[in-house]
Structure formats: structure tokens, C-alpha cells
């Protein structure tokens, strides 16, 4: 689990660095896929912000051997973390692979 947290932290740093320098990248999909994309993106973004403190609290309880508290919060942390991970890949695929993004000029 420590390796998963370390990998996620590394990804978060690289993700924030990229978006701080890339500017606004627009989704080019049209039609039905557009509201689907934005629904997934909004839920992903909100839960990605929520998951950071949840992971830190869950990790804190585990490292302090407070396993009852750890289990109680991990029941929420794991499914949210998995959802954010899976929807992140879906957003990436829709934005960069299936539909070519509109880069800032």
C-alpha cells in the first residue's frame, strides 16, 4: 500500500506539473459523447480532490496501528480511489486518444 501511495503521489506531482504548463486543453468530441465526457470529468475531478485527504487519513491510521479506524475509513477510501483511477484513464482516453484535443494557441 505504501508503494501505491508513492506511485499515486508521483503521478499527482507529474499531472499537476503538466497541467500547470500545458494551459487549457479543450475536448473536441461532439454529440452524445460530450455530456458523457463532462459528467465523467466532473465526478472524477471532485472525487480526486476528496481522495487526497482520505488517503492521508487512512495511511495515518495504518501507520499508527489504529486498525479499527483505518478499516472504517478505508471502506470509503478504496472504492473512491478505484473510481478516480478508472475514470482518470477514461478521461485520458477520450481526451487524447479517441478525440484529438484542441491545444491552446
Protein backbone atom coordinates (compact mmCIF):
# COMPACT_ATOMS: atom_id res chain seq x y z
CA UNK A 1 0.00 0.00 0.00
CA UNK A 2 2.92 2.33 0.64
CA UNK A 3 4.10 1.69 -2.92
CA UNK A 4 0.62 2.51 -4.22
CA UNK A 5 0.60 5.77 -2.27
CA UNK A 6 4.10 6.63 -3.52
CA UNK A 7 3.15 5.91 -7.14
CA UNK A 8 -0.04 7.93 -6.80
CA UNK A 9 1.85 10.84 -5.25
CA UNK A 10 4.40 10.73 -8.08
CA UNK A 11 1.61 10.70 -10.64
CA UNK A 12 -0.16 13.60 -8.92
CA UNK A 13 3.01 15.70 -8.98
CA UNK A 14 3.62 14.99 -12.68
CA UNK A 15 -0.06 15.60 -13.50
CA UNK A 16 -0.09 18.97 -11.73
CA UNK A 17 3.22 19.97 -13.36
CA UNK A 18 1.91 19.09 -16.83
CA UNK A 19 -1.35 20.99 -16.42
CA UNK A 20 0.39 23.99 -14.89
CA UNK A 21 2.46 24.29 -18.08
CA UNK A 22 0.09 22.97 -20.78
CA UNK A 23 -2.69 25.50 -20.36
CA UNK A 24 -6.33 24.82 -21.10
CA UNK A 25 -6.85 21.74 -23.26
CA UNK A 26 -10.30 21.61 -24.88
CA UNK A 27 -12.28 18.45 -25.58
CA UNK A 28 -13.10 18.17 -29.29
CA UNK A 29 -15.80 15.49 -29.13
CA UNK A 30 -19.28 16.45 -30.34
CA UNK A 31 -22.74 14.97 -29.91
CA UNK A 32 -23.72 12.48 -27.21
CA UNK A 33 -20.14 11.87 -26.08
CA UNK A 34 -19.74 15.48 -24.94
CA UNK A 35 -22.13 15.37 -21.93
CA UNK A 36 -20.89 11.87 -21.10
CA UNK A 37 -17.29 13.12 -21.08
CA UNK A 38 -18.07 16.14 -18.91
CA UNK A 39 -20.14 14.06 -16.46
CA UNK A 40 -17.23 11.67 -16.01
CA UNK A 41 -14.75 14.56 -15.82
CA UNK A 42 -16.71 16.47 -13.16
CA UNK A 43 -17.24 13.41 -10.96
CA UNK A 44 -13.58 12.44 -11.41
CA UNK A 45 -12.34 15.93 -10.52
CA UNK A 46 -14.49 16.28 -7.40
CA UNK A 47 -13.61 12.83 -6.09
CA UNK A 48 -9.92 13.32 -6.96
CA UNK A 49 -9.90 16.31 -4.62
CA UNK A 50 -11.75 14.33 -1.93
CA UNK A 51 -9.46 11.30 -2.15
CA UNK A 52 -6.25 13.13 -1.18
CA UNK A 53 -7.21 13.78 2.47
CA UNK A 54 -8.94 10.38 2.68
CA UNK A 55 -5.75 8.60 1.60
CA UNK A 56 -3.66 10.61 4.05
CA UNK A 57 -6.00 9.88 6.95
CA UNK A 58 -6.24 6.19 6.03
CA UNK A 59 -2.45 5.96 5.80
CA UNK A 60 -2.03 7.80 9.10
CA UNK A 61 -4.31 5.34 10.94
CA UNK A 62 -2.49 2.35 9.42
CA UNK A 63 0.97 3.69 10.34
CA UNK A 64 -0.22 4.37 13.91
CA UNK A 65 -1.65 0.82 14.16
CA UNK A 66 -5.15 2.19 14.70
CA UNK A 67 -6.63 -0.54 12.56
CA UNK A 68 -10.26 -0.15 13.64
CA UNK A 69 -10.23 3.47 12.48
CA UNK A 70 -8.16 2.51 9.43
CA UNK A 71 -10.70 -0.12 8.34
CA UNK A 72 -13.62 2.23 8.90
CA UNK A 73 -12.24 4.93 6.62
CA UNK A 74 -10.61 2.52 4.16
CA UNK A 75 -14.09 1.21 3.32
CA UNK A 76 -14.72 4.63 1.75
CA UNK A 77 -11.20 5.35 0.54
CA UNK A 78 -10.67 2.23 -1.59
CA UNK A 79 -13.79 2.43 -3.80
CA UNK A 80 -13.34 6.18 -4.32
CA UNK A 81 -9.66 5.69 -5.15
CA UNK A 82 -10.52 2.94 -7.64
CA UNK A 83 -13.23 5.10 -9.24
CA UNK A 84 -10.83 8.04 -9.60
CA UNK A 85 -8.18 5.76 -11.10
CA UNK A 86 -10.52 4.19 -13.63
CA UNK A 87 -12.26 7.42 -14.63
CA UNK A 88 -8.86 9.11 -15.00
CA UNK A 89 -7.92 6.57 -17.64
CA UNK A 90 -11.30 7.01 -19.36
CA UNK A 91 -10.92 10.81 -19.39
CA UNK A 92 -7.39 10.49 -20.78
CA UNK A 93 -8.55 8.07 -23.48
CA UNK A 94 -11.46 10.29 -24.53
CA UNK A 95 -9.41 13.50 -24.47
CA UNK A 96 -6.14 12.35 -26.06
CA UNK A 97 -6.78 9.09 -27.96
CA UNK A 98 -10.36 8.81 -29.22
CA UNK A 99 -10.80 12.55 -29.87
CA UNK A 100 -7.82 14.77 -30.53
CA UNK A 101 -7.63 17.67 -28.07
CA UNK A 102 -7.73 21.32 -29.02
CA UNK A 103 -4.47 22.74 -27.66
CA UNK A 104 -4.12 26.36 -26.58
CA UNK A 105 -2.55 28.69 -29.11
